Amino acid sequence: MVWTGQHFLGLEDLSKEDIQSLIRRASHFLEAGNRCEPNAPLTGKIIANLFMENSTRTRCSFTIATKRLGGDCIDLLGGTSSASKGETLVDTAMNLEAMGVAGIAIRCSEECGPSDIASNVGIPVINAGSGTASHPTQALLDAGTLLHHFGCNDLSGQHIAIVGDITHSRVARSNVIGLTKLGAKVTLVGPQELLPTDPVCETSTDFDAVLQEVSACMMLRVQFERDAYVGEDYRDKFGFTEERFANFTGAVLHPGPINRGLEIDDCVASCNSPQNKILSQVSFGVATRMAILEHLIG
């Protein structure tokens, strides 16, 4: 691997080859299943999960990934940390470093939070989601899930739609970077008010037209907690309904959590079709975070 960075803050810093290398290593961990890594590269090391925002998949996958690599972890959540008393993110991270943790996975509402911490500590920092700007580990696992689905080493010739609340989505922003580096064409789809004002790729408000052209469709959660608003016709215009699924041959993804019945129908989210990659993303998420932790810390 060419990439020698100390931190994992965004996919901007990685080349196509770096992304492919991390995905190959993640594939090794995926094939190992629930077994712990025999050489236990994180033995004797503690990883701090500093999560200032709620999370299920990302936080738990970092915990499981750490333990499968032989390490241990501590969870420091926003409501239980001294941040509730006014302590800054950087001060919190510096205190964790002083306690001897080997690395920090950080999720926060501040877009520059991970980079600010990385500039002030001497241990690896992993961006587990920052503001509405970046979620690089999610984008890496999404790319890995798609490579496995297509059975290829890059995404050249593939057209991927990312659909929904693009404006508030750090997942969308990181995926545009990762997927295009791997050669895919990406189209962002949603209501005009939820599309970016400064798009870096094609956009559309016609989901059905785009659906006829793409080989994979990534649905996004409408982020009501960030004051997103959608009309009563959102499901009809932009939801992955049972009817749309019946006429679609590509892969369907969703980073979760899902607003069932809004952005994706219940029967589509729960079906056992090989097109449904939602739980495959979750499984590949653990493997991907294992690959990142091993590379940076192990």
Protein backbone atom coordinates (compact mmCIF):
# COMPACT_ATOMS: atom_id res chain seq x y z
CA MET A 1 0.00 0.00 0.00
CA VAL A 2 1.34 3.41 -1.02
CA TRP A 3 -0.73 5.36 1.52
CA THR A 4 1.27 5.98 4.69
CA GLY A 5 -0.91 8.55 6.44
CA GLN A 6 -1.09 8.47 10.22
CA HIS A 7 -4.81 9.29 10.28
CA PHE A 8 -7.93 8.25 8.36
CA LEU A 9 -9.79 11.52 7.90
CA GLY A 10 -11.17 11.38 4.36
CA LEU A 11 -10.90 9.53 1.07
CA GLU A 12 -9.42 12.61 -0.57
CA ASP A 13 -6.01 11.51 0.75
CA LEU A 14 -6.20 8.01 -0.74
CA SER A 15 -5.49 6.90 -4.29
CA LYS A 16 -7.55 4.35 -6.19
CA GLU A 17 -4.89 1.75 -5.38
CA ASP A 18 -4.98 2.60 -1.67
CA ILE A 19 -8.77 2.16 -1.60
CA GLN A 20 -8.52 -1.15 -3.44
CA SER A 21 -5.82 -2.38 -1.07
CA LEU A 22 -7.89 -1.60 2.03
CA ILE A 23 -10.91 -3.30 0.48
CA ARG A 24 -8.85 -6.41 -0.32
CA ARG A 25 -7.71 -6.57 3.29
CA ALA A 26 -11.29 -6.07 4.46
CA SER A 27 -12.32 -8.95 2.20
CA HIS A 28 -9.85 -11.18 4.04
CA PHE A 29 -11.46 -10.27 7.36
CA LEU A 30 -14.94 -10.76 5.89
CA GLU A 31 -14.04 -14.29 4.78
CA ALA A 32 -12.72 -15.02 8.29
CA GLY A 33 -16.23 -14.44 9.60
CA ASN A 34 -16.63 -14.15 13.35
CA ARG A 35 -13.16 -15.51 14.12
CA CYS A 36 -10.63 -13.28 15.83
CA GLU A 37 -7.47 -12.55 13.85
CA PRO A 38 -4.84 -15.18 14.85
CA ASN A 39 -1.90 -12.76 15.06
CA ALA A 40 -3.98 -10.30 17.15
CA PRO A 41 -2.33 -7.09 15.87
CA LEU A 42 -4.03 -4.92 18.52
CA THR A 43 -3.06 -7.05 21.52
CA GLY A 44 -2.51 -4.83 24.55
CA LYS A 45 -3.91 -1.76 22.79
CA ILE A 46 -7.02 0.25 23.67
CA ILE A 47 -9.06 2.21 21.12
CA ALA A 48 -11.29 5.08 22.24
CA ASN A 49 -14.66 5.47 20.53
CA LEU A 50 -15.40 9.16 21.01
CA PHE A 51 -18.98 9.44 19.74
CA MET A 52 -20.62 12.80 20.32
CA GLU A 53 -23.59 11.79 18.14
CA ASN A 54 -25.81 8.74 18.38
CA SER A 55 -24.76 5.67 16.43
CA THR A 56 -25.50 1.96 16.24
CA ARG A 57 -23.74 0.47 13.21
CA THR A 58 -20.58 2.57 13.17
CA ARG A 59 -19.84 2.56 16.89
CA CYS A 60 -20.62 -1.13 17.40
CA SER A 61 -18.60 -2.13 14.34
CA PHE A 62 -15.55 -0.25 15.63
CA THR A 63 -15.94 -2.06 18.96
CA ILE A 64 -16.29 -5.48 17.33
CA ALA A 65 -13.45 -4.76 14.89
CA THR A 66 -11.13 -3.79 17.75
CA LYS A 67 -11.93 -6.92 19.74
CA ARG A 68 -11.52 -9.24 16.74
CA LEU A 69 -8.04 -7.77 16.28
CA GLY A 70 -7.21 -8.60 19.90
CA GLY A 71 -7.58 -5.10 21.34
CA ASP A 72 -9.96 -3.48 23.76
CA CYS A 73 -11.99 -0.30 23.55
CA ILE A 74 -13.73 2.31 25.62
CA ASP A 75 -16.86 4.17 24.57
CA LEU A 76 -17.08 7.84 25.45
CA LEU A 77 -20.46 9.24 24.46
CA GLY A 78 -21.50 12.87 24.22
CA GLY A 79 -23.98 12.84 27.08
CA THR A 80 -21.59 11.07 29.45
CA SER A 81 -18.41 13.00 28.66
CA SER A 82 -17.11 16.30 29.99
CA ALA A 83 -18.23 17.86 26.71
CA SER A 84 -21.53 18.35 28.51
CA LYS A 85 -19.59 20.61 30.91
CA GLY A 86 -18.02 22.64 28.13
CA GLU A 87 -14.81 20.70 27.48
CA THR A 88 -13.64 20.95 23.88
CA LEU A 89 -13.23 17.97 21.57
CA VAL A 90 -9.49 18.57 21.37
CA ASP A 91 -9.12 18.67 25.17
CA THR A 92 -11.11 15.46 25.48
CA ALA A 93 -8.91 13.75 22.88
CA MET A 94 -5.69 14.98 24.49
CA ASN A 95 -6.82 13.58 27.82
CA LEU A 96 -7.57 10.22 26.23
CA GLU A 97 -4.11 10.21 24.68
CA ALA A 98 -2.60 10.98 28.09
CA MET A 99 -4.42 7.95 29.49
CA GLY A 100 -2.65 5.74 26.97
CA VAL A 101 -5.18 4.91 24.25
CA ALA A 102 -3.62 3.81 20.96
CA GLY A 103 -6.11 5.55 18.68
CA ILE A 104 -9.37 7.47 18.56
CA ALA A 105 -12.45 6.94 16.38
CA ILE A 106 -14.38 10.21 16.46
CA ARG A 107 -17.94 11.09 15.44
CA CYS A 108 -19.06 14.68 15.93
CA SER A 109 -21.24 17.44 14.55
CA GLU A 110 -18.23 19.66 13.83
CA GLU A 111 -17.07 19.17 10.26
CA CYS A 112 -13.43 19.92 11.18
CA GLY A 113 -13.55 17.98 14.45
CA PRO A 114 -11.47 14.97 13.36
CA SER A 115 -8.81 17.09 11.64
CA ASP A 116 -8.61 19.44 14.64
CA ILE A 117 -8.00 16.48 16.94
CA ALA A 118 -5.46 14.95 14.54
CA SER A 119 -3.49 18.21 14.60
CA ASN A 120 -3.19 18.08 18.38
CA VAL A 121 -2.51 14.44 19.25
CA GLY A 122 0.24 12.00 18.37
CA ILE A 123 -1.96 8.93 17.93
CA PRO A 124 -4.04 7.85 14.91
CA VAL A 125 -7.44 9.49 14.50
CA ILE A 126 -10.22 7.90 12.45
CA ASN A 127 -13.12 9.96 11.15
CA ALA A 128 -16.29 8.03 12.02
CA GLY A 129 -18.54 10.78 10.66
CA SER A 130 -18.19 14.54 10.92
CA GLY A 131 -20.93 17.12 10.42
CA THR A 132 -22.56 16.80 7.03
CA ALA A 133 -19.21 16.72 5.26
CA SER A 134 -17.51 13.37 5.59
CA HIS A 135 -17.99 9.70 6.51
CA PRO A 136 -15.03 7.96 4.87
CA THR A 137 -15.27 4.56 6.57
CA GLN A 138 -18.89 4.25 5.41
CA ALA A 139 -17.92 5.16 1.85
CA LEU A 140 -15.11 2.59 1.92
CA LEU A 141 -17.43 -0.20 3.07
CA ASP A 142 -20.05 0.83 0.51
CA ALA A 143 -17.47 0.59 -2.25
CA GLY A 144 -16.33 -2.79 -0.96
CA THR A 145 -19.91 -4.05 -0.87
CA LEU A 146 -20.40 -3.00 -4.49
CA LEU A 147 -17.11 -4.56 -5.64
CA HIS A 148 -18.17 -7.84 -4.04
CA HIS A 149 -21.58 -7.62 -5.66
CA PHE A 150 -20.18 -6.98 -9.13
CA GLY A 151 -17.24 -9.37 -8.65
CA CYS A 152 -14.67 -6.90 -9.91
CA ASN A 153 -11.67 -4.86 -8.77
CA ASP A 154 -13.00 -1.44 -9.76
CA LEU A 155 -16.28 0.18 -10.74
CA SER A 156 -15.45 1.23 -14.29
CA GLY A 157 -18.57 1.15 -16.42
CA GLN A 158 -20.91 1.15 -13.42
CA HIS A 159 -23.48 3.89 -12.89
CA ILE A 160 -24.50 4.41 -9.25
CA ALA A 161 -27.45 6.49 -8.03
CA ILE A 162 -27.43 8.04 -4.56
CA VAL A 163 -31.00 8.97 -3.69
CA GLY A 164 -32.63 11.07 -1.00
CA ASP A 165 -31.52 13.74 1.42
CA ILE A 166 -28.24 14.67 -0.27
CA THR A 167 -27.99 18.10 1.37
CA HIS A 168 -27.51 16.73 4.88
CA SER A 169 -25.64 13.54 3.94
CA ARG A 170 -21.97 13.06 4.82
CA VAL A 171 -22.39 9.55 3.40
CA ALA A 172 -23.22 10.95 -0.03
CA ARG A 173 -20.27 13.34 -0.05
CA SER A 174 -17.73 10.68 0.85
CA ASN A 175 -19.29 8.16 -1.54
CA VAL A 176 -19.03 10.53 -4.47
CA ILE A 177 -15.27 10.72 -3.83
CA GLY A 178 -14.76 6.99 -3.29
CA LEU A 179 -16.98 5.69 -6.08
CA THR A 180 -15.62 8.09 -8.69
CA LYS A 181 -12.03 7.22 -7.73
CA LEU A 182 -12.91 3.60 -8.47
CA GLY A 183 -14.24 4.60 -11.89
CA ALA A 184 -18.00 4.76 -11.34
CA LYS A 185 -20.37 7.36 -12.69
CA VAL A 186 -22.48 8.81 -9.87
CA THR A 187 -25.83 10.62 -10.10
CA LEU A 188 -27.38 12.33 -7.09
CA VAL A 189 -31.18 12.11 -7.01
CA GLY A 190 -33.72 13.86 -4.83
CA PRO A 191 -36.10 16.78 -4.50
CA GLN A 192 -34.52 20.00 -5.70
CA GLU A 193 -34.46 21.42 -2.16
CA LEU A 194 -32.45 18.40 -0.93
CA LEU A 195 -29.86 18.46 -3.71
CA PRO A 196 -26.55 20.30 -3.23
CA THR A 197 -26.24 23.82 -4.58
CA ASP A 198 -22.64 23.08 -5.63
CA PRO A 199 -22.88 19.56 -7.11
CA VAL A 200 -19.65 17.75 -7.96
CA CYS A 201 -21.43 15.25 -10.23
CA GLU A 202 -24.70 14.87 -12.13
CA THR A 203 -27.97 15.51 -10.31
CA SER A 204 -31.57 14.67 -11.12
CA THR A 205 -35.05 15.07 -9.70
CA ASP A 206 -36.44 12.22 -11.85
CA PHE A 207 -35.81 9.00 -9.91
CA ASP A 208 -37.62 6.71 -12.36
CA ALA A 209 -35.60 7.97 -15.31
CA VAL A 210 -32.30 7.50 -13.49
CA LEU A 211 -33.34 4.06 -12.21
CA GLN A 212 -33.47 2.81 -15.80
CA GLU A 213 -29.79 3.66 -16.27
CA VAL A 214 -28.05 2.56 -13.07
CA SER A 215 -26.60 -0.74 -11.87
CA ALA A 216 -26.87 0.11 -8.17
CA CYS A 217 -28.99 2.44 -6.08
CA MET A 218 -28.01 3.75 -2.64
CA MET A 219 -30.95 5.09 -0.68
CA LEU A 220 -30.36 7.71 2.02
CA ARG A 221 -32.26 8.49 5.21
CA VAL A 222 -34.19 11.74 5.36
CA GLN A 223 -32.45 13.51 8.27
CA PHE A 224 -35.35 15.09 10.10
CA GLU A 225 -33.04 15.83 13.05
CA ARG A 226 -31.18 18.24 10.75
CA ASP A 227 -34.45 19.96 9.83
CA ALA A 228 -34.90 18.19 6.51
CA TYR A 229 -38.42 18.54 5.15
CA VAL A 230 -40.13 16.37 2.55
CA GLY A 231 -43.62 16.54 1.10
CA GLU A 232 -46.33 13.91 1.38
CA ASP A 233 -45.44 12.68 -2.12
CA TYR A 234 -41.80 11.88 -1.21
CA ARG A 235 -42.29 8.09 -1.16
CA ASP A 236 -44.10 8.14 -4.50
CA LYS A 237 -41.40 10.21 -6.16
CA PHE A 238 -38.20 9.10 -4.41
CA GLY A 239 -38.92 6.01 -2.32
CA PHE A 240 -37.67 2.58 -3.36
CA THR A 241 -41.11 1.04 -3.50
CA GLU A 242 -42.05 -2.57 -4.08
CA GLU A 243 -43.10 -1.65 -7.61
CA ARG A 244 -39.75 -0.06 -8.43
CA PHE A 245 -37.88 -3.03 -6.96
CA ALA A 246 -39.86 -5.46 -9.09
CA ASN A 247 -38.56 -3.74 -12.23
CA PHE A 248 -34.96 -3.20 -11.09
CA THR A 249 -32.11 -5.66 -11.63
CA GLY A 250 -29.33 -3.80 -9.82
CA ALA A 251 -28.11 -3.69 -6.22
CA VAL A 252 -29.97 -1.79 -3.51
CA LEU A 253 -28.05 -0.25 -0.59
CA HIS A 254 -28.89 1.83 2.46
CA PRO A 255 -26.36 2.95 5.12
CA GLY A 256 -29.06 2.98 7.83
CA PRO A 257 -30.90 3.72 9.93
CA ILE A 258 -33.91 3.30 7.66
CA ASN A 259 -37.14 5.25 7.69
CA ARG A 260 -39.15 2.25 6.51
CA GLY A 261 -42.08 3.13 4.33
CA LEU A 262 -40.56 6.47 3.36
CA GLU A 263 -37.25 6.08 1.56
CA ILE A 264 -37.60 2.32 1.15
CA ASP A 265 -40.56 -0.03 1.49
CA ASP A 266 -40.63 -2.61 4.27
CA CYS A 267 -40.71 -5.57 1.91
CA VAL A 268 -37.73 -4.26 -0.08
CA ALA A 269 -35.60 -3.61 3.00
CA SER A 270 -36.35 -7.07 4.42
CA CYS A 271 -36.29 -9.23 1.28
CA ASN A 272 -33.75 -12.03 0.83
CA SER A 273 -32.96 -11.15 -2.75
CA PRO A 274 -29.26 -11.06 -3.72
CA GLN A 275 -29.97 -7.52 -4.89
CA ASN A 276 -30.55 -6.41 -1.29
CA LYS A 277 -27.12 -5.38 0.05
CA ILE A 278 -28.24 -3.57 3.20
CA LEU A 279 -27.07 -6.18 5.71
CA SER A 280 -24.05 -6.97 3.53
CA GLN A 281 -22.99 -3.37 4.11
CA VAL A 282 -23.20 -3.95 7.87
CA SER A 283 -21.05 -7.09 7.69
CA PHE A 284 -18.51 -5.43 5.42
CA GLY A 285 -18.47 -2.47 7.82
CA VAL A 286 -16.85 -4.53 10.58
CA ALA A 287 -14.30 -5.95 8.15
CA THR A 288 -13.52 -2.51 6.72
CA ARG A 289 -12.89 -1.00 10.15
CA MET A 290 -10.67 -3.96 10.99
CA ALA A 291 -8.59 -3.19 7.90
CA ILE A 292 -8.27 0.48 8.85
CA LEU A 293 -7.41 -0.22 12.50
CA GLU A 294 -4.84 -2.82 11.51
CA HIS A 295 -3.21 -0.52 8.98
CA LEU A 296 -3.01 2.52 11.27
CA ILE A 297 -2.40 0.90 14.67
CA GLY A 298 -1.70 -2.82 14.33
